[in-house]
Amino acid sequence: MDPESKTLDSGKKVTKFTLATNESFKNADGQKVEETTWHNIVAWNGLADIAGKYLKKGHQVAIEGRIVYRTYEDKNKVTKNITEIVANDLLMLKTSKEKA
């Protein structure tokens, strides 16, 4: 899914998107195993503008940021735990499929 951007009532801009990281290794039986982990990324203000304007699903990006853990109650009073990476910097990486 492409990044989702919005401007809050306070005037701050936020863009949220998910990032997949892939790892491959051989298990004890010698078989190749591939694992994908999904990360929730949040970018604010100027970085939010860049991410919202230039990132699309499938684009490669390097993210630097900090991990934030949040807890909230949903409308049914169920406690939800959220782990996000708040981006401090991002580097858009070009793939061979993308045009220069």
PDB file of N, CA and C in Angstrom:
ATOM      1  N   MET A   1       0.845  -1.179   0.000  1.00  0.00           N
ATOM      2  CA  MET A   1       0.000   0.000   0.000  1.00  0.00           C
ATOM      3  C   MET A   1       0.892   1.244   0.000  1.00  0.00           C
ATOM      4  N   ASP A   2       0.527   2.247  -0.758  1.00  0.00           N
ATOM      5  CA  ASP A   2       1.267   3.498  -0.801  1.00  0.00           C
ATOM      6  C   ASP A   2       1.169   4.219   0.542  1.00  0.00           C
ATOM      7  N   PRO A   3       2.127   5.095   0.846  1.00  0.00           N
ATOM      8  CA  PRO A   3       2.074   5.871   2.086  1.00  0.00           C
ATOM      9  C   PRO A   3       0.787   6.688   2.168  1.00  0.00           C
ATOM     10  N   GLU A   4       0.308   6.874   3.412  1.00  0.00           N
ATOM     11  CA  GLU A   4      -0.892   7.685   3.654  1.00  0.00           C
ATOM     12  C   GLU A   4      -0.475   8.935   4.404  1.00  0.00           C
ATOM     13  N   SER A   5      -0.801  10.102   3.843  1.00  0.00           N
ATOM     14  CA  SER A   5      -0.420  11.381   4.435  1.00  0.00           C
ATOM     15  C   SER A   5      -1.655  12.142   4.870  1.00  0.00           C
ATOM     16  N   LYS A   6      -1.479  12.924   5.948  1.00  0.00           N
ATOM     17  CA  LYS A   6      -2.553  13.825   6.360  1.00  0.00           C
ATOM     18  C   LYS A   6      -1.962  14.963   7.176  1.00  0.00           C
ATOM     19  N   THR A   7      -2.727  16.047   7.268  1.00  0.00           N
ATOM     20  CA  THR A   7      -2.357  17.195   8.085  1.00  0.00           C
ATOM     21  C   THR A   7      -3.275  17.200   9.291  1.00  0.00           C
ATOM     22  N   LEU A   8      -2.692  17.232  10.481  1.00  0.00           N
ATOM     23  CA  LEU A   8      -3.455  17.225  11.722  1.00  0.00           C
ATOM     24  C   LEU A   8      -4.019  18.608  12.016  1.00  0.00           C
ATOM     25  N   ASP A   9      -4.978  18.675  12.943  1.00  0.00           N
ATOM     26  CA  ASP A   9      -5.582  19.959  13.314  1.00  0.00           C
ATOM     27  C   ASP A   9      -4.528  20.949  13.795  1.00  0.00           C
ATOM     28  N   SER A  10      -3.453  20.439  14.373  1.00  0.00           N
ATOM     29  CA  SER A  10      -2.370  21.298  14.876  1.00  0.00           C
ATOM     30  C   SER A  10      -1.533  21.895  13.736  1.00  0.00           C
ATOM     31  N   GLY A  11      -1.726  21.394  12.513  1.00  0.00           N
ATOM     32  CA  GLY A  11      -0.957  21.849  11.367  1.00  0.00           C
ATOM     33  C   GLY A  11       0.230  20.955  11.050  1.00  0.00           C
ATOM     34  N   LYS A  12       0.538  20.016  11.950  1.00  0.00           N
ATOM     35  CA  LYS A  12       1.643  19.085  11.693  1.00  0.00           C
ATOM     36  C   LYS A  12       1.230  18.100  10.609  1.00  0.00           C
ATOM     37  N   LYS A  13       2.201  17.716   9.793  1.00  0.00           N
ATOM     38  CA  LYS A  13       1.952  16.736   8.728  1.00  0.00           C
ATOM     39  C   LYS A  13       2.527  15.401   9.161  1.00  0.00           C
ATOM     40  N   VAL A  14       1.815  14.317   8.830  1.00  0.00           N
ATOM     41  CA  VAL A  14       2.273  12.974   9.164  1.00  0.00           C
ATOM     42  C   VAL A  14       2.025  12.053   7.977  1.00  0.00           C
ATOM     43  N   THR A  15       2.975  11.191   7.716  1.00  0.00           N
ATOM     44  CA  THR A  15       2.835  10.168   6.686  1.00  0.00           C
ATOM     45  C   THR A  15       3.179   8.834   7.313  1.00  0.00           C
ATOM     46  N   LYS A  16       2.313   7.843   7.078  1.00  0.00           N
ATOM     47  CA  LYS A  16       2.519   6.501   7.615  1.00  0.00           C
ATOM     48  C   LYS A  16       2.594   5.506   6.471  1.00  0.00           C
ATOM     49  N   PHE A  17       3.483   4.518   6.636  1.00  0.00           N
ATOM     50  CA  PHE A  17       3.592   3.452   5.649  1.00  0.00           C
ATOM     51  C   PHE A  17       4.252   2.249   6.299  1.00  0.00           C
ATOM     52  N   THR A  18       4.182   1.112   5.625  1.00  0.00           N
ATOM     53  CA  THR A  18       4.839  -0.095   6.125  1.00  0.00           C
ATOM     54  C   THR A  18       6.078  -0.371   5.288  1.00  0.00           C
ATOM     55  N   LEU A  19       7.045  -0.991   5.933  1.00  0.00           N
ATOM     56  CA  LEU A  19       8.315  -1.324   5.302  1.00  0.00           C
ATOM     57  C   LEU A  19       8.591  -2.796   5.569  1.00  0.00           C
ATOM     58  N   ALA A  20       8.934  -3.533   4.536  1.00  0.00           N
ATOM     59  CA  ALA A  20       9.266  -4.954   4.680  1.00  0.00           C
ATOM     60  C   ALA A  20      10.778  -5.120   4.702  1.00  0.00           C
ATOM     61  N   THR A  21      11.262  -5.937   5.627  1.00  0.00           N
ATOM     62  CA  THR A  21      12.665  -6.343   5.607  1.00  0.00           C
ATOM     63  C   THR A  21      12.692  -7.851   5.404  1.00  0.00           C
ATOM     64  N   ASN A  22      13.627  -8.299   4.586  1.00  0.00           N
ATOM     65  CA  ASN A  22      13.716  -9.718   4.248  1.00  0.00           C
ATOM     66  C   ASN A  22      15.025 -10.303   4.762  1.00  0.00           C
ATOM     67  N   GLU A  23      14.943 -11.544   5.214  1.00  0.00           N
ATOM     68  CA  GLU A  23      16.125 -12.261   5.683  1.00  0.00           C
ATOM     69  C   GLU A  23      16.049 -13.679   5.136  1.00  0.00           C
ATOM     70  N   SER A  24      17.165 -14.201   4.682  1.00  0.00           N
ATOM     71  CA  SER A  24      17.190 -15.588   4.234  1.00  0.00           C
ATOM     72  C   SER A  24      18.368 -16.287   4.902  1.00  0.00           C
ATOM     73  N   PHE A  25      18.140 -17.555   5.234  1.00  0.00           N
ATOM     74  CA  PHE A  25      19.170 -18.352   5.900  1.00  0.00           C
ATOM     75  C   PHE A  25      18.867 -19.822   5.663  1.00  0.00           C
ATOM     76  N   LYS A  26      19.806 -20.658   5.990  1.00  0.00           N
ATOM     77  CA  LYS A  26      19.590 -22.105   5.895  1.00  0.00           C
ATOM     78  C   LYS A  26      19.273 -22.635   7.284  1.00  0.00           C
ATOM     79  N   ASN A  27      18.230 -23.460   7.347  1.00  0.00           N
ATOM     80  CA  ASN A  27      17.847 -24.033   8.633  1.00  0.00           C
ATOM     81  C   ASN A  27      18.728 -25.239   8.952  1.00  0.00           C
ATOM     82  N   ALA A  28      18.427 -25.929  10.040  1.00  0.00           N
ATOM     83  CA  ALA A  28      19.238 -27.063  10.490  1.00  0.00           C
ATOM     84  C   ALA A  28      19.270 -28.194   9.461  1.00  0.00           C
ATOM     85  N   ASP A  29      18.240 -28.286   8.609  1.00  0.00           N
ATOM     86  CA  ASP A  29      18.187 -29.317   7.567  1.00  0.00           C
ATOM     87  C   ASP A  29      18.872 -28.874   6.282  1.00  0.00           C
ATOM     88  N   GLY A  30      19.430 -27.662   6.267  1.00  0.00           N
ATOM     89  CA  GLY A  30      20.113 -27.162   5.081  1.00  0.00           C
ATOM     90  C   GLY A  30      19.187 -26.534   4.052  1.00  0.00           C
ATOM     91  N   GLN A  31      17.898 -26.385   4.394  1.00  0.00           N
ATOM     92  CA  GLN A  31      16.945 -25.783   3.464  1.00  0.00           C
ATOM     93  C   GLN A  31      16.965 -24.262   3.612  1.00  0.00           C
ATOM     94  N   LYS A  32      16.855 -23.575   2.478  1.00  0.00           N
ATOM     95  CA  LYS A  32      16.818 -22.113   2.510  1.00  0.00           C
ATOM     96  C   LYS A  32      15.469 -21.649   3.042  1.00  0.00           C
ATOM     97  N   VAL A  33      15.513 -20.756   4.018  1.00  0.00           N
ATOM     98  CA  VAL A  33      14.303 -20.197   4.622  1.00  0.00           C
ATOM     99  C   VAL A  33      14.338 -18.691   4.414  1.00  0.00           C
ATOM    100  N   GLU A  34      13.225 -18.137   3.958  1.00  0.00           N
ATOM    101  CA  GLU A  34      13.107 -16.694   3.789  1.00  0.00           C
ATOM    102  C   GLU A  34      12.031 -16.176   4.728  1.00  0.00           C
ATOM    103  N   GLU A  35      12.372 -15.130   5.460  1.00  0.00           N
ATOM    104  CA  GLU A  35      11.421 -14.518   6.390  1.00  0.00           C
ATOM    105  C   GLU A  35      11.275 -13.039   6.058  1.00  0.00           C
ATOM    106  N   THR A  36      10.038 -12.566   6.105  1.00  0.00           N
ATOM    107  CA  THR A  36       9.751 -11.151   5.893  1.00  0.00           C
ATOM    108  C   THR A  36       9.147 -10.597   7.171  1.00  0.00           C
ATOM    109  N   THR A  37       9.660  -9.455   7.617  1.00  0.00           N
ATOM    110  CA  THR A  37       9.121  -8.763   8.783  1.00  0.00           C
ATOM    111  C   THR A  37       8.609  -7.408   8.315  1.00  0.00           C
ATOM    112  N   TRP A  38       7.409  -7.041   8.775  1.00  0.00           N
ATOM    113  CA  TRP A  38       6.805  -5.764   8.398  1.00  0.00           C
ATOM    114  C   TRP A  38       6.946  -4.778   9.545  1.00  0.00           C
ATOM    115  N   HIS A  39       7.302  -3.541   9.209  1.00  0.00           N
ATOM    116  CA  HIS A  39       7.514  -2.487  10.193  1.00  0.00           C
ATOM    117  C   HIS A  39       6.604  -1.309   9.863  1.00  0.00           C
ATOM    118  N   ASN A  40       6.007  -0.726  10.891  1.00  0.00           N
ATOM    119  CA  ASN A  40       5.183   0.466  10.728  1.00  0.00           C
ATOM    120  C   ASN A  40       6.084   1.686  10.855  1.00  0.00           C
ATOM    121  N   ILE A  41       6.089   2.542   9.817  1.00  0.00           N
ATOM    122  CA  ILE A  41       6.943   3.722   9.784  1.00  0.00           C
ATOM    123  C   ILE A  41       6.067   4.974   9.861  1.00  0.00           C
ATOM    124  N   VAL A  42       6.524   5.950  10.651  1.00  0.00           N
ATOM    125  CA  VAL A  42       5.836   7.237  10.779  1.00  0.00           C
ATOM    126  C   VAL A  42       6.848   8.339  10.496  1.00  0.00           C
ATOM    127  N   ALA A  43       6.498   9.246   9.589  1.00  0.00           N
ATOM    128  CA  ALA A  43       7.345  10.399   9.277  1.00  0.00           C
ATOM    129  C   ALA A  43       6.544  11.668   9.555  1.00  0.00           C
ATOM    130  N   TRP A  44       7.223  12.681  10.082  1.00  0.00           N
ATOM    131  CA  TRP A  44       6.558  13.930  10.450  1.00  0.00           C
ATOM    132  C   TRP A  44       7.065  15.099   9.614  1.00  0.00           C
ATOM    133  N   ASN A  45       6.195  16.066   9.409  1.00  0.00           N
ATOM    134  CA  ASN A  45       6.476  17.372   8.819  1.00  0.00           C
ATOM    135  C   ASN A  45       7.213  17.290   7.490  1.00  0.00           C
ATOM    136  N   GLY A  46       8.427  17.847   7.359  1.00  0.00           N
ATOM    137  CA  GLY A  46       9.129  17.859   6.073  1.00  0.00           C
ATOM    138  C   GLY A  46       9.396  16.463   5.538  1.00  0.00           C
ATOM    139  N   LEU A  47       9.783  15.548   6.424  1.00  0.00           N
ATOM    140  CA  LEU A  47      10.018  14.162   6.002  1.00  0.00           C
ATOM    141  C   LEU A  47       8.705  13.506   5.572  1.00  0.00           C
ATOM    142  N   ALA A  48       7.608  13.895   6.215  1.00  0.00           N
ATOM    143  CA  ALA A  48       6.287  13.391   5.827  1.00  0.00           C
ATOM    144  C   ALA A  48       5.948  13.831   4.406  1.00  0.00           C
ATOM    145  N   ASP A  49       6.280  15.082   4.077  1.00  0.00           N
ATOM    146  CA  ASP A  49       6.029  15.591   2.716  1.00  0.00           C
ATOM    147  C   ASP A  49       6.802  14.770   1.688  1.00  0.00           C
ATOM    148  N   ILE A  50       8.084  14.532   1.961  1.00  0.00           N
ATOM    149  CA  ILE A  50       8.924  13.786   1.022  1.00  0.00           C
ATOM    150  C   ILE A  50       8.414  12.360   0.850  1.00  0.00           C
ATOM    151  N   ALA A  51       8.146  11.689   1.970  1.00  0.00           N
ATOM    152  CA  ALA A  51       7.677  10.298   1.907  1.00  0.00           C
ATOM    153  C   ALA A  51       6.347  10.201   1.170  1.00  0.00           C
ATOM    154  N   GLY A  52       5.435  11.113   1.469  1.00  0.00           N
ATOM    155  CA  GLY A  52       4.120  11.088   0.830  1.00  0.00           C
ATOM    156  C   GLY A  52       4.178  11.383  -0.661  1.00  0.00           C
ATOM    157  N   LYS A  53       5.116  12.230  -1.054  1.00  0.00           N
ATOM    158  CA  LYS A  53       5.203  12.637  -2.458  1.00  0.00           C
ATOM    159  C   LYS A  53       5.960  11.632  -3.321  1.00  0.00           C
ATOM    160  N   TYR A  54       7.041  11.059  -2.785  1.00  0.00           N
ATOM    161  CA  TYR A  54       7.940  10.279  -3.627  1.00  0.00           C
ATOM    162  C   TYR A  54       7.897   8.764  -3.422  1.00  0.00           C
ATOM    163  N   LEU A  55       7.469   8.291  -2.261  1.00  0.00           N
ATOM    164  CA  LEU A  55       7.472   6.841  -2.031  1.00  0.00           C
ATOM    165  C   LEU A  55       6.202   6.201  -2.559  1.00  0.00           C
ATOM    166  N   LYS A  56       6.343   5.042  -3.134  1.00  0.00           N
ATOM    167  CA  LYS A  56       5.213   4.244  -3.616  1.00  0.00           C
ATOM    168  C   LYS A  56       5.446   2.803  -3.200  1.00  0.00           C
ATOM    169  N   LYS A  57       4.390   2.033  -3.194  1.00  0.00           N
ATOM    170  CA  LYS A  57       4.504   0.617  -2.864  1.00  0.00           C
ATOM    171  C   LYS A  57       5.556  -0.035  -3.763  1.00  0.00           C
ATOM    172  N   GLY A  58       6.463  -0.781  -3.145  1.00  0.00           N
ATOM    173  CA  GLY A  58       7.482  -1.495  -3.896  1.00  0.00           C
ATOM    174  C   GLY A  58       8.795  -0.750  -4.028  1.00  0.00           C
ATOM    175  N   HIS A  59       8.803   0.557  -3.738  1.00  0.00           N
ATOM    176  CA  HIS A  59      10.060   1.312  -3.794  1.00  0.00           C
ATOM    177  C   HIS A  59      10.963   0.879  -2.641  1.00  0.00           C
ATOM    178  N   GLN A  60      12.249   0.886  -2.900  1.00  0.00           N
ATOM    179  CA  GLN A  60      13.211   0.557  -1.852  1.00  0.00           C
ATOM    180  C   GLN A  60      13.634   1.840  -1.140  1.00  0.00           C
ATOM    181  N   VAL A  61      13.736   1.744   0.175  1.00  0.00           N
ATOM    182  CA  VAL A  61      14.089   2.906   0.975  1.00  0.00           C
ATOM    183  C   VAL A  61      14.868   2.444   2.200  1.00  0.00           C
ATOM    184  N   ALA A  62      15.833   3.256   2.620  1.00  0.00           N
ATOM    185  CA  ALA A  62      16.554   3.022   3.868  1.00  0.00           C
ATOM    186  C   ALA A  62      16.019   4.037   4.880  1.00  0.00           C
ATOM    187  N   ILE A  63      15.685   3.556   6.072  1.00  0.00           N
ATOM    188  CA  ILE A  63      15.096   4.396   7.105  1.00  0.00           C
ATOM    189  C   ILE A  63      16.009   4.422   8.315  1.00  0.00           C
ATOM    190  N   GLU A  64      16.186   5.608   8.877  1.00  0.00           N
ATOM    191  CA  GLU A  64      16.861   5.746  10.164  1.00  0.00           C
ATOM    192  C   GLU A  64      15.875   6.406  11.102  1.00  0.00           C
ATOM    193  N   GLY A  65      15.746   5.850  12.314  1.00  0.00           N
ATOM    194  CA  GLY A  65      14.793   6.427  13.251  1.00  0.00           C
ATOM    195  C   GLY A  65      14.858   5.744  14.588  1.00  0.00           C
ATOM    196  N   ARG A  66      13.823   5.978  15.377  1.00  0.00           N
ATOM    197  CA  ARG A  66      13.763   5.381  16.712  1.00  0.00           C
ATOM    198  C   ARG A  66      12.486   4.558  16.856  1.00  0.00           C
ATOM    199  N   ILE A  67      12.586   3.518  17.657  1.00  0.00           N
ATOM    200  CA  ILE A  67      11.432   2.648  17.894  1.00  0.00           C
ATOM    201  C   ILE A  67      10.587   3.249  19.013  1.00  0.00           C
ATOM    202  N   VAL A  68       9.286   3.288  18.781  1.00  0.00           N
ATOM    203  CA  VAL A  68       8.340   3.817  19.759  1.00  0.00           C
ATOM    204  C   VAL A  68       7.288   2.746  20.027  1.00  0.00           C
ATOM    205  N   TYR A  69       6.992   2.539  21.308  1.00  0.00           N
ATOM    206  CA  TYR A  69       5.954   1.591  21.714  1.00  0.00           C
ATOM    207  C   TYR A  69       4.791   2.396  22.286  1.00  0.00           C
ATOM    208  N   ARG A  70       3.585   2.158  21.763  1.00  0.00           N
ATOM    209  CA  ARG A  70       2.393   2.872  22.237  1.00  0.00           C
ATOM    210  C   ARG A  70       1.325   1.870  22.633  1.00  0.00           C
ATOM    211  N   THR A  71       0.478   2.272  23.559  1.00  0.00           N
ATOM    212  CA  THR A  71      -0.663   1.475  23.977  1.00  0.00           C
ATOM    213  C   THR A  71      -1.896   2.369  23.956  1.00  0.00           C
ATOM    214  N   TYR A  72      -3.008   1.826  23.464  1.00  0.00           N
ATOM    215  CA  TYR A  72      -4.259   2.581  23.489  1.00  0.00           C
ATOM    216  C   TYR A  72      -5.421   1.605  23.612  1.00  0.00           C
ATOM    217  N   GLU A  73      -6.610   2.159  23.937  1.00  0.00           N
ATOM    218  CA  GLU A  73      -7.830   1.352  23.990  1.00  0.00           C
ATOM    219  C   GLU A  73      -8.664   1.655  22.762  1.00  0.00           C
ATOM    220  N   ASP A  74      -9.133   0.587  22.087  1.00  0.00           N
ATOM    221  CA  ASP A  74      -9.991   0.811  20.926  1.00  0.00           C
ATOM    222  C   ASP A  74     -11.409   1.105  21.395  1.00  0.00           C
ATOM    223  N   LYS A  75     -12.327   1.268  20.445  1.00  0.00           N
ATOM    224  CA  LYS A  75     -13.701   1.644  20.798  1.00  0.00           C
ATOM    225  C   LYS A  75     -14.417   0.576  21.615  1.00  0.00           C
ATOM    226  N   ASN A  76     -13.914  -0.666  21.580  1.00  0.00           N
ATOM    227  CA  ASN A  76     -14.504  -1.757  22.370  1.00  0.00           C
ATOM    228  C   ASN A  76     -13.782  -1.961  23.696  1.00  0.00           C
ATOM    229  N   LYS A  77     -12.955  -0.981  24.075  1.00  0.00           N
ATOM    230  CA  LYS A  77     -12.203  -1.013  25.333  1.00  0.00           C
ATOM    231  C   LYS A  77     -11.169  -2.135  25.381  1.00  0.00           C
ATOM    232  N   VAL A  78     -10.681  -2.564  24.212  1.00  0.00           N
ATOM    233  CA  VAL A  78      -9.625  -3.572  24.130  1.00  0.00           C
ATOM    234  C   VAL A  78      -8.286  -2.847  24.016  1.00  0.00           C
ATOM    235  N   THR A  79      -7.339  -3.232  24.857  1.00  0.00           N
ATOM    236  CA  THR A  79      -6.024  -2.611  24.834  1.00  0.00           C
ATOM    237  C   THR A  79      -5.229  -3.095  23.629  1.00  0.00           C
ATOM    238  N   LYS A  80      -4.685  -2.158  22.877  1.00  0.00           N
ATOM    239  CA  LYS A  80      -3.883  -2.461  21.694  1.00  0.00           C
ATOM    240  C   LYS A  80      -2.462  -1.943  21.920  1.00  0.00           C
ATOM    241  N   ASN A  81      -1.486  -2.722  21.500  1.00  0.00           N
ATOM    242  CA  ASN A  81      -0.085  -2.332  21.572  1.00  0.00           C
ATOM    243  C   ASN A  81       0.432  -2.098  20.161  1.00  0.00           C
ATOM    244  N   ILE A  82       1.108  -0.966  19.959  1.00  0.00           N
ATOM    245  CA  ILE A  82       1.619  -0.585  18.651  1.00  0.00           C
ATOM    246  C   ILE A  82       3.132  -0.379  18.755  1.00  0.00           C
ATOM    247  N   THR A  83       3.858  -0.911  17.794  1.00  0.00           N
ATOM    248  CA  THR A  83       5.288  -0.646  17.677  1.00  0.00           C
ATOM    249  C   THR A  83       5.506   0.070  16.348  1.00  0.00           C
ATOM    250  N   GLU A  84       6.135   1.236  16.407  1.00  0.00           N
ATOM    251  CA  GLU A  84       6.376   2.032  15.212  1.00  0.00           C
ATOM    252  C   GLU A  84       7.830   2.487  15.184  1.00  0.00           C
ATOM    253  N   ILE A  85       8.295   2.792  14.001  1.00  0.00           N
ATOM    254  CA  ILE A  85       9.586   3.443  13.850  1.00  0.00           C
ATOM    255  C   ILE A  85       9.298   4.868  13.403  1.00  0.00           C
ATOM    256  N   VAL A  86       9.710   5.831  14.225  1.00  0.00           N
ATOM    257  CA  VAL A  86       9.554   7.233  13.866  1.00  0.00           C
ATOM    258  C   VAL A  86      10.807   7.622  13.084  1.00  0.00           C
ATOM    259  N   ALA A  87      10.619   7.928  11.824  1.00  0.00           N
ATOM    260  CA  ALA A  87      11.741   8.187  10.918  1.00  0.00           C
ATOM    261  C   ALA A  87      12.402   9.529  11.230  1.00  0.00           C
ATOM    262  N   ASN A  88      13.723   9.500  11.323  1.00  0.00           N
ATOM    263  CA  ASN A  88      14.518  10.727  11.437  1.00  0.00           C
ATOM    264  C   ASN A  88      15.105  11.097  10.080  1.00  0.00           C
ATOM    265  N   ASP A  89      15.324  10.077   9.251  1.00  0.00           N
ATOM    266  CA  ASP A  89      15.928  10.289   7.939  1.00  0.00           C
ATOM    267  C   ASP A  89      15.519   9.144   7.030  1.00  0.00           C
ATOM    268  N   LEU A  90      15.458   9.412   5.756  1.00  0.00           N
ATOM    269  CA  LEU A  90      15.193   8.341   4.798  1.00  0.00           C
ATOM    270  C   LEU A  90      16.018   8.569   3.553  1.00  0.00           C
ATOM    271  N   LEU A  91      16.388   7.469   2.948  1.00  0.00           N
ATOM    272  CA  LEU A  91      17.181   7.498   1.720  1.00  0.00           C
ATOM    273  C   LEU A  91      16.456   6.656   0.689  1.00  0.00           C
ATOM    274  N   MET A  92      16.037   7.294  -0.387  1.00  0.00           N
ATOM    275  CA  MET A  92      15.354   6.561  -1.447  1.00  0.00           C
ATOM    276  C   MET A  92      16.394   5.834  -2.279  1.00  0.00           C
ATOM    277  N   LEU A  93      16.197   4.543  -2.462  1.00  0.00           N
ATOM    278  CA  LEU A  93      17.140   3.702  -3.194  1.00  0.00           C
ATOM    279  C   LEU A  93      16.560   3.389  -4.561  1.00  0.00           C
ATOM    280  N   LYS A  94      17.360   3.503  -5.578  1.00  0.00           N
ATOM    281  CA  LYS A  94      16.898   3.227  -6.945  1.00  0.00           C
ATOM    282  C   LYS A  94      17.102   1.758  -7.247  1.00  0.00           C
ATOM    283  N   THR A  95      16.116   1.136  -7.851  1.00  0.00           N
ATOM    284  CA  THR A  95      16.245  -0.248  -8.298  1.00  0.00           C
ATOM    285  C   THR A  95      16.399  -0.251  -9.802  1.00  0.00           C
ATOM    286  N   SER A  96      16.776  -1.384 -10.342  1.00  0.00           N
ATOM    287  CA  SER A  96      16.960  -1.488 -11.792  1.00  0.00           C
ATOM    288  C   SER A  96      15.636  -1.321 -12.541  1.00  0.00           C
ATOM    289  N   LYS A  97      14.514  -1.522 -11.864  1.00  0.00           N
ATOM    290  CA  LYS A  97      13.213  -1.404 -12.514  1.00  0.00           C
ATOM    291  C   LYS A  97      12.759   0.046 -12.626  1.00  0.00           C
ATOM    292  N   GLU A  98      13.312   0.933 -11.780  1.00  0.00           N
ATOM    293  CA  GLU A  98      12.901   2.316 -11.798  1.00  0.00           C
ATOM    294  C   GLU A  98      13.725   3.108 -12.801  1.00  0.00           C
ATOM    295  N   LYS A  99      13.101   4.086 -13.418  1.00  0.00           N
ATOM    296  CA  LYS A  99      13.801   4.927 -14.387  1.00  0.00           C
ATOM    297  C   LYS A  99      14.610   5.997 -13.647  1.00  0.00           C
ATOM    298  N   ALA A 100      15.700   6.369 -14.235  1.00  0.00           N
ATOM    299  CA  ALA A 100      16.574   7.400 -13.635  1.00  0.00           C
ATOM    300  C   ALA A 100      15.911   8.752 -13.661  1.00  0.00           C
TER     301      ALA A 100
END
